């Protein structure tokens, strides 16, 4: 009987030792696991912090970028010219394209690596002479401002081409802190709608070219605008187009229509409202030919600048445009 009791005690002690050993091993394993997880989380946190710091502070080897903002119908027919323009200049530019909703710049729709997948994903349907045009500009700016290395913002159409090399263009734009905005007082023109007053007083009404180059401060003003843009949506609309551009029936009393082209006034008027006129170089860097008196084709007349055809594209034309730009 005593032998049986002693065997039970030995078995009980052995179980306690095994249990204690297992508990010690479990606690030690848990401690090691917690330490490892803590070290992992700390490393991840330090990595995230470093990433955020890198976003806030430009890298020493990162040059300021120019954001090229294309407003296009679909694909870019002159992309081959831009492809040559951008070659070898990586890190100095970024590209954003606003085209019709649903259009994608894939390998099937572009042959240039620079434009591949560069369409914005929240584009809208744009109608010429409507506030949707300036809304598209704001969409492009919102996307471009997310990159802290974008310092200048250039608006372009799908029919624009560069006249100078990238290095010349880059150095010219970056040589001044100002924005290039064709802007002048337009108090005598009938485009100002008195219904905009007092939010937009007539003395702040400006006119100019849609094709502007903005610095980051002025781009942020456009994106953050909540007062001028709604006024343009309500009170700045084009009248019915001339006979050969008509896309809708002309009203019986068309002469009573108010005529306003939003993209020729919005940026200029907004910057005037914000009191930054003195921060502008008041001219456009994009050449447009509006003297169409010699053109016999109705396609080249109307409310649009001349579109040069393939037969027009000669060295003499390019040289004459450059001479005209230097004189302005």
C-alpha atoms as a PDB file:
ATOM      1  CA  UNK A   1       0.000   0.000   0.000  1.00  0.00           C
ATOM      2  CA  UNK A   2       2.850   2.362   0.944  1.00  0.00           C
ATOM      3  CA  UNK A   3       4.633   1.494  -2.283  1.00  0.00           C
ATOM      4  CA  UNK A   4       1.564   2.454  -4.264  1.00  0.00           C
ATOM      5  CA  UNK A   5       1.273   5.822  -2.452  1.00  0.00           C
ATOM      6  CA  UNK A   6       4.914   6.653  -3.071  1.00  0.00           C
ATOM      7  CA  UNK A   7       4.522   5.878  -6.761  1.00  0.00           C
ATOM      8  CA  UNK A   8       1.547   8.250  -6.927  1.00  0.00           C
ATOM      9  CA  UNK A   9       3.596  10.989  -5.229  1.00  0.00           C
ATOM     10  CA  UNK A  10       6.424  10.505  -7.738  1.00  0.00           C
ATOM     11  CA  UNK A  11       3.960  10.651 -10.622  1.00  0.00           C
ATOM     12  CA  UNK A  12       2.375  13.797  -9.166  1.00  0.00           C
ATOM     13  CA  UNK A  13       5.791  15.502  -8.744  1.00  0.00           C
ATOM     14  CA  UNK A  14       6.772  14.511 -12.294  1.00  0.00           C
ATOM     15  CA  UNK A  15       3.564  16.013 -13.673  1.00  0.00           C
ATOM     16  CA  UNK A  16       4.185  19.245 -11.742  1.00  0.00           C
ATOM     17  CA  UNK A  17       7.703  19.489 -13.148  1.00  0.00           C
ATOM     18  CA  UNK A  18       6.446  18.847 -16.683  1.00  0.00           C
ATOM     19  CA  UNK A  19       3.676  21.434 -16.218  1.00  0.00           C
ATOM     20  CA  UNK A  20       6.128  23.974 -14.779  1.00  0.00           C
ATOM     21  CA  UNK A  21       8.538  23.350 -17.629  1.00  0.00           C
ATOM     22  CA  UNK A  22       5.774  23.796 -20.210  1.00  0.00           C
ATOM     23  CA  UNK A  23       4.547  27.010 -18.555  1.00  0.00           C
ATOM     24  CA  UNK A  24       8.096  28.380 -18.479  1.00  0.00           C
ATOM     25  CA  UNK A  25       8.579  27.508 -22.142  1.00  0.00           C
ATOM     26  CA  UNK A  26       5.229  29.091 -23.024  1.00  0.00           C
ATOM     27  CA  UNK A  27       6.017  32.296 -21.124  1.00  0.00           C
ATOM     28  CA  UNK A  28       9.474  32.476 -22.663  1.00  0.00           C
ATOM     29  CA  UNK A  29       8.034  31.907 -26.144  1.00  0.00           C
ATOM     30  CA  UNK A  30       5.357  34.525 -25.585  1.00  0.00           C
ATOM     31  CA  UNK A  31       7.973  37.025 -24.402  1.00  0.00           C
ATOM     32  CA  UNK A  32      10.167  36.369 -27.443  1.00  0.00           C
ATOM     33  CA  UNK A  33       7.133  36.663 -29.765  1.00  0.00           C
ATOM     34  CA  UNK A  34       6.028  39.962 -28.192  1.00  0.00           C
ATOM     35  CA  UNK A  35       9.546  41.344 -28.480  1.00  0.00           C
ATOM     36  CA  UNK A  36       9.744  40.318 -32.122  1.00  0.00           C
ATOM     37  CA  UNK A  37       6.349  41.863 -32.911  1.00  0.00           C
ATOM     38  CA  UNK A  38       7.282  45.048 -31.099  1.00  0.00           C
ATOM     39  CA  UNK A  39      10.514  45.293 -33.091  1.00  0.00           C
ATOM     40  CA  UNK A  40       8.581  44.655 -36.336  1.00  0.00           C
ATOM     41  CA  UNK A  41       5.923  47.272 -35.552  1.00  0.00           C
ATOM     42  CA  UNK A  42       8.574  49.792 -34.541  1.00  0.00           C
ATOM     43  CA  UNK A  43      10.461  49.181 -37.783  1.00  0.00           C
ATOM     44  CA  UNK A  44       7.264  49.632 -39.802  1.00  0.00           C
ATOM     45  CA  UNK A  45       6.427  52.817 -37.906  1.00  0.00           C
ATOM     46  CA  UNK A  46       9.907  54.200 -38.494  1.00  0.00           C
ATOM     47  CA  UNK A  47       9.569  53.292 -42.175  1.00  0.00           C
ATOM     48  CA  UNK A  48       6.218  55.076 -42.466  1.00  0.00           C
ATOM     49  CA  UNK A  49       7.595  58.101 -40.657  1.00  0.00           C
ATOM     50  CA  UNK A  50      10.569  58.167 -42.986  1.00  0.00           C
ATOM     51  CA  UNK A  51       8.233  57.915 -45.989  1.00  0.00           C
ATOM     52  CA  UNK A  52       6.122  60.813 -44.714  1.00  0.00           C
ATOM     53  CA  UNK A  53       9.249  62.861 -44.089  1.00  0.00           C
ATOM     54  CA  UNK A  54      10.416  62.148 -47.616  1.00  0.00           C
ATOM     55  CA  UNK A  55       7.097  63.482 -48.922  1.00  0.00           C
ATOM     56  CA  UNK A  56       7.393  66.637 -46.861  1.00  0.00           C
ATOM     57  CA  UNK A  57      11.047  67.257 -47.684  1.00  0.00           C
ATOM     58  CA  UNK A  58      12.153  67.051 -51.320  1.00  0.00           C
ATOM     59  CA  UNK A  59      15.084  64.749 -51.975  1.00  0.00           C
ATOM     60  CA  UNK A  60      18.346  66.469 -52.770  1.00  0.00           C
ATOM     61  CA  UNK A  61      18.474  64.754 -56.157  1.00  0.00           C
ATOM     62  CA  UNK A  62      14.843  65.549 -57.072  1.00  0.00           C
ATOM     63  CA  UNK A  63      14.401  68.482 -59.433  1.00  0.00           C
ATOM     64  CA  UNK A  64      11.210  70.588 -59.424  1.00  0.00           C
ATOM     65  CA  UNK A  65       8.795  69.177 -61.978  1.00  0.00           C
ATOM     66  CA  UNK A  66       6.556  70.753 -64.579  1.00  0.00           C
ATOM     67  CA  UNK A  67       3.118  69.132 -64.722  1.00  0.00           C
ATOM     68  CA  UNK A  68       1.825  69.018 -68.300  1.00  0.00           C
ATOM     69  CA  UNK A  69      -1.989  69.029 -68.165  1.00  0.00           C
ATOM     70  CA  UNK A  70      -3.631  67.921 -71.408  1.00  0.00           C
ATOM     71  CA  UNK A  71      -7.308  68.550 -72.138  1.00  0.00           C
ATOM     72  CA  UNK A  72      -8.184  66.071 -74.885  1.00  0.00           C
ATOM     73  CA  UNK A  73     -11.237  64.584 -76.542  1.00  0.00           C
ATOM     74  CA  UNK A  74      -9.859  61.045 -76.678  1.00  0.00           C
ATOM     75  CA  UNK A  75      -6.364  60.060 -77.708  1.00  0.00           C
ATOM     76  CA  UNK A  76      -3.587  62.545 -78.425  1.00  0.00           C
ATOM     77  CA  UNK A  77      -3.025  62.716 -82.212  1.00  0.00           C
ATOM     78  CA  UNK A  78       0.320  64.533 -81.839  1.00  0.00           C
ATOM     79  CA  UNK A  79       1.754  62.310 -79.109  1.00  0.00           C
ATOM     80  CA  UNK A  80       4.713  61.349 -81.298  1.00  0.00           C
ATOM     81  CA  UNK A  81       5.925  64.962 -81.178  1.00  0.00           C
ATOM     82  CA  UNK A  82       5.579  65.061 -77.392  1.00  0.00           C
ATOM     83  CA  UNK A  83       7.275  61.673 -77.090  1.00  0.00           C
ATOM     84  CA  UNK A  84      10.395  63.097 -78.737  1.00  0.00           C
ATOM     85  CA  UNK A  85      10.091  66.213 -76.569  1.00  0.00           C
ATOM     86  CA  UNK A  86      10.099  64.220 -73.288  1.00  0.00           C
ATOM     87  CA  UNK A  87      12.853  61.755 -74.221  1.00  0.00           C
ATOM     88  CA  UNK A  88      15.741  61.738 -71.724  1.00  0.00           C
ATOM     89  CA  UNK A  89      14.102  64.186 -69.313  1.00  0.00           C
ATOM     90  CA  UNK A  90      12.733  61.798 -66.660  1.00  0.00           C
ATOM     91  CA  UNK A  91      12.323  63.359 -63.227  1.00  0.00           C
ATOM     92  CA  UNK A  92      11.671  66.852 -64.568  1.00  0.00           C
ATOM     93  CA  UNK A  93       8.051  66.485 -65.629  1.00  0.00           C
ATOM     94  CA  UNK A  94       4.769  64.707 -65.008  1.00  0.00           C
ATOM     95  CA  UNK A  95       1.788  64.187 -67.325  1.00  0.00           C
ATOM     96  CA  UNK A  96      -1.960  64.236 -66.672  1.00  0.00           C
ATOM     97  CA  UNK A  97      -4.617  63.827 -69.367  1.00  0.00           C
ATOM     98  CA  UNK A  98      -8.301  64.712 -69.107  1.00  0.00           C
ATOM     99  CA  UNK A  99     -10.279  62.963 -71.832  1.00  0.00           C
ATOM    100  CA  UNK A 100     -13.874  61.802 -72.114  1.00  0.00           C
ATOM    101  CA  UNK A 101     -15.114  59.613 -69.231  1.00  0.00           C
ATOM    102  CA  UNK A 102     -14.161  55.966 -69.652  1.00  0.00           C
ATOM    103  CA  UNK A 103     -11.347  56.547 -72.132  1.00  0.00           C
ATOM    104  CA  UNK A 104      -8.094  54.835 -71.152  1.00  0.00           C
ATOM    105  CA  UNK A 105      -4.619  55.533 -72.500  1.00  0.00           C
ATOM    106  CA  UNK A 106      -3.569  51.912 -72.930  1.00  0.00           C
ATOM    107  CA  UNK A 107      -1.149  50.222 -75.310  1.00  0.00           C
ATOM    108  CA  UNK A 108      -4.032  50.090 -77.780  1.00  0.00           C
ATOM    109  CA  UNK A 109      -4.638  53.855 -77.718  1.00  0.00           C
ATOM    110  CA  UNK A 110      -1.136  55.323 -77.303  1.00  0.00           C
ATOM    111  CA  UNK A 111       2.277  54.439 -78.630  1.00  0.00           C
ATOM    112  CA  UNK A 112       4.121  56.648 -76.188  1.00  0.00           C
ATOM    113  CA  UNK A 113       5.239  55.288 -72.821  1.00  0.00           C
ATOM    114  CA  UNK A 114       4.939  58.784 -71.392  1.00  0.00           C
ATOM    115  CA  UNK A 115       1.144  58.856 -71.874  1.00  0.00           C
ATOM    116  CA  UNK A 116       0.423  55.266 -70.875  1.00  0.00           C
ATOM    117  CA  UNK A 117      -2.255  55.215 -68.111  1.00  0.00           C
ATOM    118  CA  UNK A 118      -1.861  58.961 -67.557  1.00  0.00           C
ATOM    119  CA  UNK A 119      -5.607  59.715 -67.872  1.00  0.00           C
ATOM    120  CA  UNK A 120      -7.352  60.963 -64.725  1.00  0.00           C
ATOM    121  CA  UNK A 121      -9.977  58.579 -63.362  1.00  0.00           C
ATOM    122  CA  UNK A 122     -12.657  61.165 -62.573  1.00  0.00           C
ATOM    123  CA  UNK A 123     -12.960  63.027 -65.868  1.00  0.00           C
ATOM    124  CA  UNK A 124     -16.211  64.683 -66.909  1.00  0.00           C
ATOM    125  CA  UNK A 125     -17.972  65.326 -70.206  1.00  0.00           C
ATOM    126  CA  UNK A 126     -16.671  68.666 -71.490  1.00  0.00           C
ATOM    127  CA  UNK A 127     -18.580  71.011 -73.786  1.00  0.00           C
ATOM    128  CA  UNK A 128     -16.776  73.916 -75.385  1.00  0.00           C
ATOM    129  CA  UNK A 129     -17.885  77.295 -74.107  1.00  0.00           C
ATOM    130  CA  UNK A 130     -19.405  75.820 -70.950  1.00  0.00           C
ATOM    131  CA  UNK A 131     -18.235  75.789 -67.329  1.00  0.00           C
ATOM    132  CA  UNK A 132     -17.367  72.099 -67.729  1.00  0.00           C
ATOM    133  CA  UNK A 133     -14.160  73.241 -69.421  1.00  0.00           C
ATOM    134  CA  UNK A 134     -12.918  75.037 -66.308  1.00  0.00           C
ATOM    135  CA  UNK A 135     -14.173  72.177 -64.157  1.00  0.00           C
ATOM    136  CA  UNK A 136     -11.912  69.849 -66.175  1.00  0.00           C
ATOM    137  CA  UNK A 137      -8.998  72.200 -65.496  1.00  0.00           C
ATOM    138  CA  UNK A 138      -9.698  72.004 -61.777  1.00  0.00           C
ATOM    139  CA  UNK A 139      -9.820  68.195 -61.943  1.00  0.00           C
ATOM    140  CA  UNK A 140      -6.380  68.124 -63.583  1.00  0.00           C
ATOM    141  CA  UNK A 141      -4.942  70.507 -61.011  1.00  0.00           C
ATOM    142  CA  UNK A 142      -6.292  68.439 -58.116  1.00  0.00           C
ATOM    143  CA  UNK A 143      -4.464  65.384 -59.405  1.00  0.00           C
ATOM    144  CA  UNK A 144      -1.244  67.242 -60.177  1.00  0.00           C
ATOM    145  CA  UNK A 145      -1.101  68.974 -56.780  1.00  0.00           C
ATOM    146  CA  UNK A 146      -0.928  65.582 -55.031  1.00  0.00           C
ATOM    147  CA  UNK A 147       2.676  65.324 -56.188  1.00  0.00           C
ATOM    148  CA  UNK A 148       4.730  67.706 -54.011  1.00  0.00           C
ATOM    149  CA  UNK A 149       7.469  67.845 -56.653  1.00  0.00           C
ATOM    150  CA  UNK A 150       5.168  69.519 -59.208  1.00  0.00           C
ATOM    151  CA  UNK A 151       6.081  73.218 -59.082  1.00  0.00           C
ATOM    152  CA  UNK A 152       4.559  74.474 -62.360  1.00  0.00           C
ATOM    153  CA  UNK A 153       1.319  73.519 -64.101  1.00  0.00           C
ATOM    154  CA  UNK A 154       0.965  73.947 -67.875  1.00  0.00           C
ATOM    155  CA  UNK A 155      -2.425  73.647 -69.607  1.00  0.00           C
ATOM    156  CA  UNK A 156      -2.392  72.219 -73.138  1.00  0.00           C
ATOM    157  CA  UNK A 157      -4.910  70.987 -75.700  1.00  0.00           C
ATOM    158  CA  UNK A 158      -4.658  67.834 -77.780  1.00  0.00           C
ATOM    159  CA  UNK A 159      -3.699  69.984 -80.782  1.00  0.00           C
ATOM    160  CA  UNK A 160      -0.717  71.690 -79.118  1.00  0.00           C
ATOM    161  CA  UNK A 161       2.915  70.909 -79.966  1.00  0.00           C
ATOM    162  CA  UNK A 162       6.160  72.189 -78.402  1.00  0.00           C
ATOM    163  CA  UNK A 163       8.120  74.754 -80.430  1.00  0.00           C
ATOM    164  CA  UNK A 164      11.340  74.534 -78.407  1.00  0.00           C
ATOM    165  CA  UNK A 165      13.342  71.773 -76.753  1.00  0.00           C
ATOM    166  CA  UNK A 166      12.434  70.474 -73.321  1.00  0.00           C
ATOM    167  CA  UNK A 167      15.515  71.980 -71.655  1.00  0.00           C
ATOM    168  CA  UNK A 168      14.791  75.427 -73.129  1.00  0.00           C
ATOM    169  CA  UNK A 169      11.128  75.229 -72.127  1.00  0.00           C
ATOM    170  CA  UNK A 170      11.937  73.948 -68.622  1.00  0.00           C
ATOM    171  CA  UNK A 171      14.561  76.616 -67.926  1.00  0.00           C
ATOM    172  CA  UNK A 172      12.329  79.393 -69.280  1.00  0.00           C
ATOM    173  CA  UNK A 173       9.343  78.453 -67.142  1.00  0.00           C
ATOM    174  CA  UNK A 174      11.431  77.841 -64.015  1.00  0.00           C
ATOM    175  CA  UNK A 175      13.440  81.060 -64.431  1.00  0.00           C
ATOM    176  CA  UNK A 176      10.716  83.127 -62.764  1.00  0.00           C
ATOM    177  CA  UNK A 177       8.520  82.530 -59.699  1.00  0.00           C
ATOM    178  CA  UNK A 178       5.531  84.119 -61.448  1.00  0.00           C
ATOM    179  CA  UNK A 179       2.710  82.447 -63.332  1.00  0.00           C
ATOM    180  CA  UNK A 180       2.296  83.093 -67.050  1.00  0.00           C
ATOM    181  CA  UNK A 181      -1.308  84.265 -67.434  1.00  0.00           C
ATOM    182  CA  UNK A 182      -2.623  86.376 -70.294  1.00  0.00           C
ATOM    183  CA  UNK A 183      -4.850  88.713 -68.260  1.00  0.00           C
ATOM    184  CA  UNK A 184      -6.289  92.163 -68.884  1.00  0.00           C
ATOM    185  CA  UNK A 185      -9.181  94.237 -67.581  1.00  0.00           C
ATOM    186  CA  UNK A 186     -12.332  93.679 -69.620  1.00  0.00           C
ATOM    187  CA  UNK A 187     -14.819  96.145 -68.173  1.00  0.00           C
ATOM    188  CA  UNK A 188     -16.065  97.359 -71.591  1.00  0.00           C
ATOM    189  CA  UNK A 189     -16.885  93.918 -72.949  1.00  0.00           C
ATOM    190  CA  UNK A 190     -20.457  92.648 -72.757  1.00  0.00           C
ATOM    191  CA  UNK A 191     -19.394  89.280 -71.366  1.00  0.00           C
ATOM    192  CA  UNK A 192     -19.560  90.443 -67.761  1.00  0.00           C
ATOM    193  CA  UNK A 193     -22.904  89.497 -66.295  1.00  0.00           C
ATOM    194  CA  UNK A 194     -24.144  92.017 -63.678  1.00  0.00           C
ATOM    195  CA  UNK A 195     -25.747  89.118 -61.825  1.00  0.00           C
ATOM    196  CA  UNK A 196     -22.263  88.144 -60.663  1.00  0.00           C
ATOM    197  CA  UNK A 197     -22.085  91.257 -58.533  1.00  0.00           C
ATOM    198  CA  UNK A 198     -21.276  91.645 -55.631  1.00  0.00           C
ATOM    199  CA  UNK A 199     -19.388  88.318 -55.418  1.00  0.00           C
ATOM    200  CA  UNK A 200     -17.475  89.223 -58.592  1.00  0.00           C
ATOM    201  CA  UNK A 201     -17.416  93.029 -58.976  1.00  0.00           C
ATOM    202  CA  UNK A 202     -16.867  94.364 -62.473  1.00  0.00           C
ATOM    203  CA  UNK A 203     -13.494  95.908 -61.570  1.00  0.00           C
ATOM    204  CA  UNK A 204     -12.124  92.385 -60.990  1.00  0.00           C
ATOM    205  CA  UNK A 205     -13.428  91.026 -64.290  1.00  0.00           C
ATOM    206  CA  UNK A 206     -10.541  89.827 -66.488  1.00  0.00           C
ATOM    207  CA  UNK A 207     -10.095  88.227 -69.880  1.00  0.00           C
ATOM    208  CA  UNK A 208      -7.280  86.260 -71.509  1.00  0.00           C
ATOM    209  CA  UNK A 209      -6.096  82.987 -72.965  1.00  0.00           C
ATOM    210  CA  UNK A 210      -7.108  79.666 -71.448  1.00  0.00           C
ATOM    211  CA  UNK A 211      -3.575  78.305 -71.899  1.00  0.00           C
ATOM    212  CA  UNK A 212      -1.867  79.419 -68.705  1.00  0.00           C
ATOM    213  CA  UNK A 213       1.182  78.303 -66.734  1.00  0.00           C
ATOM    214  CA  UNK A 214       0.553  78.413 -62.984  1.00  0.00           C
ATOM    215  CA  UNK A 215       2.908  78.191 -60.037  1.00  0.00           C
ATOM    216  CA  UNK A 216       1.913  76.018 -57.101  1.00  0.00           C
ATOM    217  CA  UNK A 217       0.410  78.858 -55.049  1.00  0.00           C
ATOM    218  CA  UNK A 218      -1.907  79.954 -57.860  1.00  0.00           C
ATOM    219  CA  UNK A 219      -2.835  76.349 -58.725  1.00  0.00           C
ATOM    220  CA  UNK A 220      -3.950  75.861 -55.116  1.00  0.00           C
ATOM    221  CA  UNK A 221      -6.060  79.029 -55.348  1.00  0.00           C
ATOM    222  CA  UNK A 222      -7.900  77.560 -58.352  1.00  0.00           C
ATOM    223  CA  UNK A 223      -8.496  74.188 -56.679  1.00  0.00           C
ATOM    224  CA  UNK A 224      -9.648  75.691 -53.368  1.00  0.00           C
ATOM    225  CA  UNK A 225     -12.035  78.211 -54.960  1.00  0.00           C
ATOM    226  CA  UNK A 226     -15.586  77.906 -53.635  1.00  0.00           C
ATOM    227  CA  UNK A 227     -17.051  81.299 -54.547  1.00  0.00           C
ATOM    228  CA  UNK A 228     -16.028  82.364 -58.064  1.00  0.00           C
ATOM    229  CA  UNK A 229     -16.543  79.005 -59.777  1.00  0.00           C
ATOM    230  CA  UNK A 230     -20.235  78.701 -58.761  1.00  0.00           C
ATOM    231  CA  UNK A 231     -20.853  82.178 -60.193  1.00  0.00           C
ATOM    232  CA  UNK A 232     -19.344  81.093 -63.502  1.00  0.00           C
ATOM    233  CA  UNK A 233     -21.515  77.987 -63.530  1.00  0.00           C
ATOM    234  CA  UNK A 234     -24.655  80.095 -63.104  1.00  0.00           C
ATOM    235  CA  UNK A 235     -23.936  83.294 -65.016  1.00  0.00           C
ATOM    236  CA  UNK A 236     -21.145  82.725 -67.573  1.00  0.00           C
ATOM    237  CA  UNK A 237     -22.422  80.796 -70.595  1.00  0.00           C
ATOM    238  CA  UNK A 238     -21.808  81.124 -74.299  1.00  0.00           C
ATOM    239  CA  UNK A 239     -24.543  82.192 -76.661  1.00  0.00           C
ATOM    240  CA  UNK A 240     -25.660  79.977 -79.551  1.00  0.00           C
ATOM    241  CA  UNK A 241     -22.865  79.331 -82.008  1.00  0.00           C
ATOM    242  CA  UNK A 242     -22.719  80.901 -85.491  1.00  0.00           C
ATOM    243  CA  UNK A 243     -24.416  79.165 -88.388  1.00  0.00           C
ATOM    244  CA  UNK A 244     -21.557  76.854 -89.347  1.00  0.00           C
ATOM    245  CA  UNK A 245     -20.696  75.844 -85.749  1.00  0.00           C
ATOM    246  CA  UNK A 246     -24.280  75.368 -84.584  1.00  0.00           C
ATOM    247  CA  UNK A 247     -24.937  72.332 -82.378  1.00  0.00           C
ATOM    248  CA  UNK A 248     -28.384  73.437 -81.221  1.00  0.00           C
ATOM    249  CA  UNK A 249     -31.289  75.504 -82.627  1.00  0.00           C
ATOM    250  CA  UNK A 250     -30.772  79.255 -82.411  1.00  0.00           C
ATOM    251  CA  UNK A 251     -33.395  80.930 -80.178  1.00  0.00           C
ATOM    252  CA  UNK A 252     -35.921  83.166 -81.893  1.00  0.00           C
ATOM    253  CA  UNK A 253     -34.545  86.160 -79.952  1.00  0.00           C
ATOM    254  CA  UNK A 254     -30.892  85.163 -79.990  1.00  0.00           C
ATOM    255  CA  UNK A 255     -29.818  88.787 -79.805  1.00  0.00           C
ATOM    256  CA  UNK A 256     -31.011  88.831 -76.192  1.00  0.00           C
ATOM    257  CA  UNK A 257     -28.643  86.027 -75.156  1.00  0.00           C
ATOM    258  CA  UNK A 258     -25.800  86.887 -72.819  1.00  0.00           C
ATOM    259  CA  UNK A 259     -22.478  85.678 -74.174  1.00  0.00           C
ATOM    260  CA  UNK A 260     -19.633  84.548 -71.909  1.00  0.00           C
ATOM    261  CA  UNK A 261     -16.827  82.030 -72.554  1.00  0.00           C
ATOM    262  CA  UNK A 262     -15.836  80.701 -69.088  1.00  0.00           C
ATOM    263  CA  UNK A 263     -12.340  79.435 -69.908  1.00  0.00           C
ATOM    264  CA  UNK A 264     -11.308  82.869 -71.240  1.00  0.00           C
ATOM    265  CA  UNK A 265     -12.187  84.580 -67.952  1.00  0.00           C
ATOM    266  CA  UNK A 266     -12.154  82.197 -64.999  1.00  0.00           C
ATOM    267  CA  UNK A 267      -8.489  81.865 -63.951  1.00  0.00           C
ATOM    268  CA  UNK A 268      -7.783  85.524 -64.732  1.00  0.00           C
ATOM    269  CA  UNK A 269     -10.797  86.792 -62.767  1.00  0.00           C
ATOM    270  CA  UNK A 270     -10.187  84.443 -59.823  1.00  0.00           C
ATOM    271  CA  UNK A 271      -6.552  85.520 -59.426  1.00  0.00           C
ATOM    272  CA  UNK A 272      -7.654  89.155 -59.648  1.00  0.00           C
ATOM    273  CA  UNK A 273     -10.218  88.488 -56.918  1.00  0.00           C
ATOM    274  CA  UNK A 274      -7.438  87.078 -54.722  1.00  0.00           C
ATOM    275  CA  UNK A 275      -5.288  90.165 -55.273  1.00  0.00           C
ATOM    276  CA  UNK A 276      -2.337  88.417 -56.916  1.00  0.00           C
ATOM    277  CA  UNK A 277      -2.284  90.309 -60.229  1.00  0.00           C
ATOM    278  CA  UNK A 278       1.206  91.567 -59.408  1.00  0.00           C
ATOM    279  CA  UNK A 279       2.453  87.962 -59.209  1.00  0.00           C
ATOM    280  CA  UNK A 280       1.668  87.293 -62.872  1.00  0.00           C
ATOM    281  CA  UNK A 281       3.657  87.602 -66.071  1.00  0.00           C
ATOM    282  CA  UNK A 282       0.731  88.773 -68.176  1.00  0.00           C
ATOM    283  CA  UNK A 283       1.137  86.790 -71.348  1.00  0.00           C
ATOM    284  CA  UNK A 284       0.567  83.277 -72.572  1.00  0.00           C
ATOM    285  CA  UNK A 285       3.369  80.917 -73.596  1.00  0.00           C
ATOM    286  CA  UNK A 286       1.048  79.209 -76.100  1.00  0.00           C
ATOM    287  CA  UNK A 287       0.759  80.680 -79.601  1.00  0.00           C
ATOM    288  CA  UNK A 288      -2.727  80.897 -81.111  1.00  0.00           C
ATOM    289  CA  UNK A 289      -3.578  82.405 -84.518  1.00  0.00           C
ATOM    290  CA  UNK A 290      -6.805  84.382 -84.329  1.00  0.00           C
ATOM    291  CA  UNK A 291      -6.373  86.453 -87.507  1.00  0.00           C
ATOM    292  CA  UNK A 292      -8.376  84.271 -89.886  1.00  0.00           C
ATOM    293  CA  UNK A 293      -9.369  86.967 -92.373  1.00  0.00           C
ATOM    294  CA  UNK A 294      -7.302  85.346 -95.143  1.00  0.00           C
ATOM    295  CA  UNK A 295      -8.894  81.936 -94.660  1.00  0.00           C
ATOM    296  CA  UNK A 296     -11.528  80.942 -97.209  1.00  0.00           C
ATOM    297  CA  UNK A 297     -12.617  77.848 -95.326  1.00  0.00           C
ATOM    298  CA  UNK A 298     -15.564  78.037 -92.950  1.00  0.00           C
ATOM    299  CA  UNK A 299     -13.884  75.270 -90.932  1.00  0.00           C
ATOM    300  CA  UNK A 300     -11.197  77.755 -89.991  1.00  0.00           C
ATOM    301  CA  UNK A 301     -13.526  80.533 -88.958  1.00  0.00           C
ATOM    302  CA  UNK A 302     -15.719  81.042 -85.946  1.00  0.00           C
ATOM    303  CA  UNK A 303     -14.907  81.171 -82.273  1.00  0.00           C
ATOM    304  CA  UNK A 304     -11.780  79.035 -82.379  1.00  0.00           C
ATOM    305  CA  UNK A 305      -8.171  79.843 -83.327  1.00  0.00           C
ATOM    306  CA  UNK A 306      -6.764  78.399 -86.534  1.00  0.00           C
ATOM    307  CA  UNK A 307      -5.905  74.709 -86.559  1.00  0.00           C
ATOM    308  CA  UNK A 308      -2.843  74.203 -88.736  1.00  0.00           C
ATOM    309  CA  UNK A 309      -3.150  71.353 -91.198  1.00  0.00           C
ATOM    310  CA  UNK A 310      -0.364  68.996 -92.252  1.00  0.00           C
ATOM    311  CA  UNK A 311       0.234  71.030 -95.397  1.00  0.00           C
ATOM    312  CA  UNK A 312       0.750  74.141 -93.243  1.00  0.00           C
ATOM    313  CA  UNK A 313       3.518  72.601 -91.119  1.00  0.00           C
ATOM    314  CA  UNK A 314       6.649  73.972 -92.768  1.00  0.00           C
ATOM    315  CA  UNK A 315       9.946  75.262 -91.286  1.00  0.00           C
ATOM    316  CA  UNK A 316       8.964  78.762 -92.430  1.00  0.00           C
ATOM    317  CA  UNK A 317       5.734  78.605 -90.403  1.00  0.00           C
ATOM    318  CA  UNK A 318       7.529  77.418 -87.267  1.00  0.00           C
ATOM    319  CA  UNK A 319      10.124  80.173 -87.665  1.00  0.00           C
ATOM    320  CA  UNK A 320       7.464  82.842 -88.180  1.00  0.00           C
ATOM    321  CA  UNK A 321       5.663  81.714 -85.025  1.00  0.00           C
ATOM    322  CA  UNK A 322       8.899  81.890 -83.016  1.00  0.00           C
ATOM    323  CA  UNK A 323       9.568  85.398 -84.324  1.00  0.00           C
ATOM    324  CA  UNK A 324       6.017  86.426 -83.359  1.00  0.00           C
ATOM    325  CA  UNK A 325       6.480  84.987 -79.848  1.00  0.00           C
ATOM    326  CA  UNK A 326       9.747  86.870 -79.325  1.00  0.00           C
ATOM    327  CA  UNK A 327       8.045  90.140 -80.269  1.00  0.00           C
ATOM    328  CA  UNK A 328       5.169  89.703 -77.782  1.00  0.00           C
END
